Amino acid sequence: MTTTYTPLPIPPDALAELRVVDDAGRPCVPYVDPEGGDPLRCCLRPVAPGERVALVSYAPLRRWAAGRGVDPGAYDEQGPVFLHAEPCEGPARERTEYPFSRAGALRTVRRYDARGHIVGGRLLEIPEEGTRGFDAAFEEAFADPEVALVHVRAVEYGCFHFEVRREGHRAGGEGRAEV
């Protein structure tokens, strides 16, 4: 089984900027993670022990909206994300599961319209069959024609995990983000 939708990492141009100054205006401060395990948003996998990474503030909706000439207003959020300190290979080309999918973990699945405004969302407790759980949540979200994109966030820390878009971002489809 592969994922029905393509989970998107932070885009390469944003990564290049974040590796200098983050979305809160702070300089990037790389470090070596001795333990690993934290979720990398550049390649959508956990940090391996000993990798050089950075924790930066990221505003995914702000960046998406700016690229479309819209203003998300009060829905703009920024929060902490881990990324490799230097460019990496990006996510695997084919996925059999969604990133950071651990049975029992809680995620918010937030829906945004073409203006970058929240038009709904739901809490997802990842089931044993995590891929099917996410697929069902995304099918439900995109059944609403107003929904342009969906953000998946961790409930416990509020961190952005990944994005799924309506336009051409089915697994194997056009527009796949490269890192």
Protein backbone atom coordinates (compact mmCIF):
# COMPACT_ATOMS: atom_id res chain seq x y z
CA MET A 1 0.00 0.00 0.00
CA THR A 2 1.19 3.54 -0.75
CA THR A 3 -0.17 6.84 0.50
CA THR A 4 -3.04 8.26 -1.52
CA TYR A 5 -1.94 11.86 -0.99
CA THR A 6 1.55 13.30 -1.18
CA PRO A 7 2.82 14.69 2.11
CA LEU A 8 4.88 17.75 1.24
CA PRO A 9 8.07 18.78 3.03
CA ILE A 10 9.14 22.38 3.50
CA PRO A 11 9.95 23.64 -0.04
CA PRO A 12 13.65 24.02 -1.02
CA ASP A 13 13.54 27.82 -1.34
CA ALA A 14 12.05 28.14 2.14
CA LEU A 15 14.63 25.69 3.54
CA ALA A 16 17.46 27.79 2.09
CA GLU A 17 16.08 30.90 3.80
CA LEU A 18 15.37 29.10 7.10
CA ARG A 19 18.96 27.83 7.19
CA VAL A 20 20.04 31.49 7.43
CA VAL A 21 17.22 33.29 9.31
CA ASP A 22 13.97 31.70 10.48
CA ASP A 23 10.46 33.12 10.16
CA ALA A 24 10.74 34.75 13.59
CA GLY A 25 13.86 36.64 12.44
CA ARG A 26 16.33 34.56 14.44
CA PRO A 27 19.57 33.22 12.94
CA CYS A 28 19.78 29.48 12.33
CA VAL A 29 21.92 27.73 14.96
CA PRO A 30 22.87 24.21 13.82
CA TYR A 31 23.91 21.52 16.29
CA VAL A 32 24.66 17.80 16.32
CA ASP A 33 21.79 15.77 17.77
CA PRO A 34 23.33 12.94 19.81
CA GLU A 35 20.06 11.04 20.34
CA GLY A 36 17.96 11.59 17.21
CA GLY A 37 14.27 10.84 16.85
CA ASP A 38 12.84 14.32 16.25
CA PRO A 39 10.80 14.81 13.03
CA LEU A 40 12.68 16.47 10.16
CA ARG A 41 10.44 18.61 7.93
CA CYS A 42 12.95 18.76 5.07
CA CYS A 43 12.90 15.03 4.32
CA LEU A 44 9.94 13.87 6.44
CA ARG A 45 11.83 11.32 8.50
CA PRO A 46 13.22 11.21 12.05
CA VAL A 47 16.63 12.64 12.89
CA ALA A 48 19.30 9.91 13.05
CA PRO A 49 21.69 10.07 16.04
CA GLY A 50 24.69 12.24 15.24
CA GLU A 51 23.06 14.25 12.44
CA ARG A 52 23.63 18.00 12.18
CA VAL A 53 20.25 19.71 12.44
CA ALA A 54 18.61 23.00 13.41
CA LEU A 55 15.42 23.93 15.24
CA VAL A 56 13.86 26.95 13.54
CA SER A 57 10.58 28.85 13.57
CA TYR A 58 8.51 28.25 10.43
CA ALA A 59 5.31 29.93 9.18
CA PRO A 60 3.99 27.54 6.49
CA LEU A 61 0.66 29.26 5.86
CA ARG A 62 2.28 32.69 5.63
CA ARG A 63 4.71 31.44 2.98
CA TRP A 64 1.97 29.60 1.02
CA ALA A 65 -0.30 32.67 1.10
CA ALA A 66 2.49 35.06 0.04
CA GLY A 67 3.13 32.89 -3.02
CA ARG A 68 -0.51 33.36 -4.02
CA GLY A 69 -0.87 37.04 -3.14
CA VAL A 70 -3.36 36.43 -0.32
CA ASP A 71 -3.29 37.31 3.37
CA PRO A 72 -4.13 34.62 5.92
CA GLY A 73 -4.67 37.34 8.54
CA ALA A 74 -5.06 35.99 12.06
CA TYR A 75 -4.75 32.39 10.81
CA ASP A 76 -1.03 32.88 10.24
CA GLU A 77 0.96 30.72 12.66
CA GLN A 78 4.62 30.02 13.17
CA GLY A 79 6.19 27.34 15.24
CA PRO A 80 9.23 25.15 15.78
CA VAL A 81 10.40 22.63 13.18
CA PHE A 82 13.54 20.53 12.84
CA LEU A 83 15.48 20.44 9.58
CA HIS A 84 18.87 19.30 8.38
CA ALA A 85 21.46 22.05 8.80
CA GLU A 86 22.61 21.47 5.20
CA PRO A 87 20.60 20.44 2.11
CA CYS A 88 19.54 16.79 2.11
CA GLU A 89 18.06 14.34 -0.40
CA GLY A 90 14.50 15.13 0.61
CA PRO A 91 11.71 12.62 1.17
CA ALA A 92 11.59 9.14 -0.32
CA ARG A 93 9.96 9.10 -3.74
CA GLU A 94 7.38 6.50 -2.82
CA ARG A 95 5.79 6.29 0.58
CA THR A 96 4.07 3.39 2.23
CA GLU A 97 2.95 5.50 5.19
CA TYR A 98 2.53 9.13 6.16
CA PRO A 99 5.40 10.78 8.03
CA PHE A 100 5.56 10.60 11.80
CA SER A 101 2.60 8.21 11.87
CA ARG A 102 2.56 6.43 15.21
CA ALA A 103 -0.58 4.58 16.30
CA GLY A 104 -2.29 6.44 19.13
CA ALA A 105 -0.59 9.80 18.43
CA LEU A 106 -2.93 12.77 18.13
CA ARG A 107 -2.82 15.10 15.13
CA THR A 108 -4.86 18.07 14.04
CA VAL A 109 -5.83 18.07 10.40
CA ARG A 110 -6.53 21.73 9.58
CA ARG A 111 -8.28 22.77 6.39
CA TYR A 112 -7.57 26.07 4.66
CA ASP A 113 -9.29 27.78 1.74
CA ALA A 114 -7.67 29.65 -1.16
CA ARG A 115 -7.39 32.80 1.01
CA GLY A 116 -5.48 30.94 3.71
CA HIS A 117 -8.39 31.01 6.14
CA ILE A 118 -9.34 28.01 8.27
CA VAL A 119 -12.51 26.37 6.98
CA GLY A 120 -12.52 23.37 9.28
CA GLY A 121 -10.45 20.72 10.84
CA ARG A 122 -10.51 17.65 12.95
CA LEU A 123 -8.63 15.75 15.56
CA LEU A 124 -7.14 12.48 14.32
CA GLU A 125 -5.99 9.78 16.66
CA ILE A 126 -3.74 7.77 14.37
CA PRO A 127 -5.16 4.25 14.14
CA GLU A 128 -3.10 1.05 13.81
CA GLU A 129 -3.62 1.39 10.05
CA GLY A 130 -2.22 4.93 10.01
CA THR A 131 -2.20 5.30 6.23
CA ARG A 132 -5.90 4.52 5.99
CA GLY A 133 -6.64 6.93 8.84
CA PHE A 134 -4.83 9.80 7.14
CA ASP A 135 -6.30 8.94 3.73
CA ALA A 136 -9.81 9.07 5.22
CA ALA A 137 -9.10 12.42 6.91
CA PHE A 138 -7.78 13.90 3.65
CA GLU A 139 -10.69 12.50 1.61
CA GLU A 140 -13.07 14.11 4.10
CA ALA A 141 -11.20 17.43 3.90
CA PHE A 142 -11.02 17.59 0.11
CA ALA A 143 -14.69 16.59 -0.24
CA ASP A 144 -15.28 20.25 0.62
CA PRO A 145 -14.57 22.17 -2.63
CA GLU A 146 -13.40 25.22 -0.62
CA VAL A 147 -10.43 23.34 0.84
CA ALA A 148 -7.19 24.20 -0.96
CA LEU A 149 -4.70 22.67 1.45
CA VAL A 150 -4.44 20.77 4.70
CA HIS A 151 -1.85 21.10 7.46
CA VAL A 152 -1.08 18.22 9.80
CA ARG A 153 0.18 19.27 13.22
CA ALA A 154 1.14 17.46 16.39
CA VAL A 155 -1.34 18.09 19.18
CA GLU A 156 1.15 17.83 22.03
CA TYR A 157 3.53 20.55 20.75
CA GLY A 158 1.48 22.21 18.00
CA CYS A 159 4.33 21.63 15.55
CA PHE A 160 3.67 21.63 11.82
CA HIS A 161 4.39 18.14 10.44
CA PHE A 162 3.49 18.29 6.76
CA GLU A 163 1.10 19.71 4.19
CA VAL A 164 -1.17 18.15 1.59
CA ARG A 165 -2.57 20.23 -1.28
CA ARG A 166 -5.58 19.78 -3.50
CA GLU A 167 -3.96 20.78 -6.80
CA GLY A 168 -2.11 17.86 -8.35
CA HIS A 169 -0.62 16.48 -5.18
CA ARG A 170 -1.86 12.96 -5.21
CA ALA A 171 0.94 10.46 -4.69
CA GLY A 172 2.84 10.12 -7.95
CA GLY A 173 1.14 13.23 -9.37
CA GLU A 174 2.53 16.46 -10.74
CA GLY A 175 3.95 19.17 -8.56
CA ARG A 176 5.89 17.01 -6.15
CA ALA A 177 8.10 19.14 -3.95
CA GLU A 178 11.80 18.37 -4.27
CA VAL A 179 14.36 19.14 -1.59
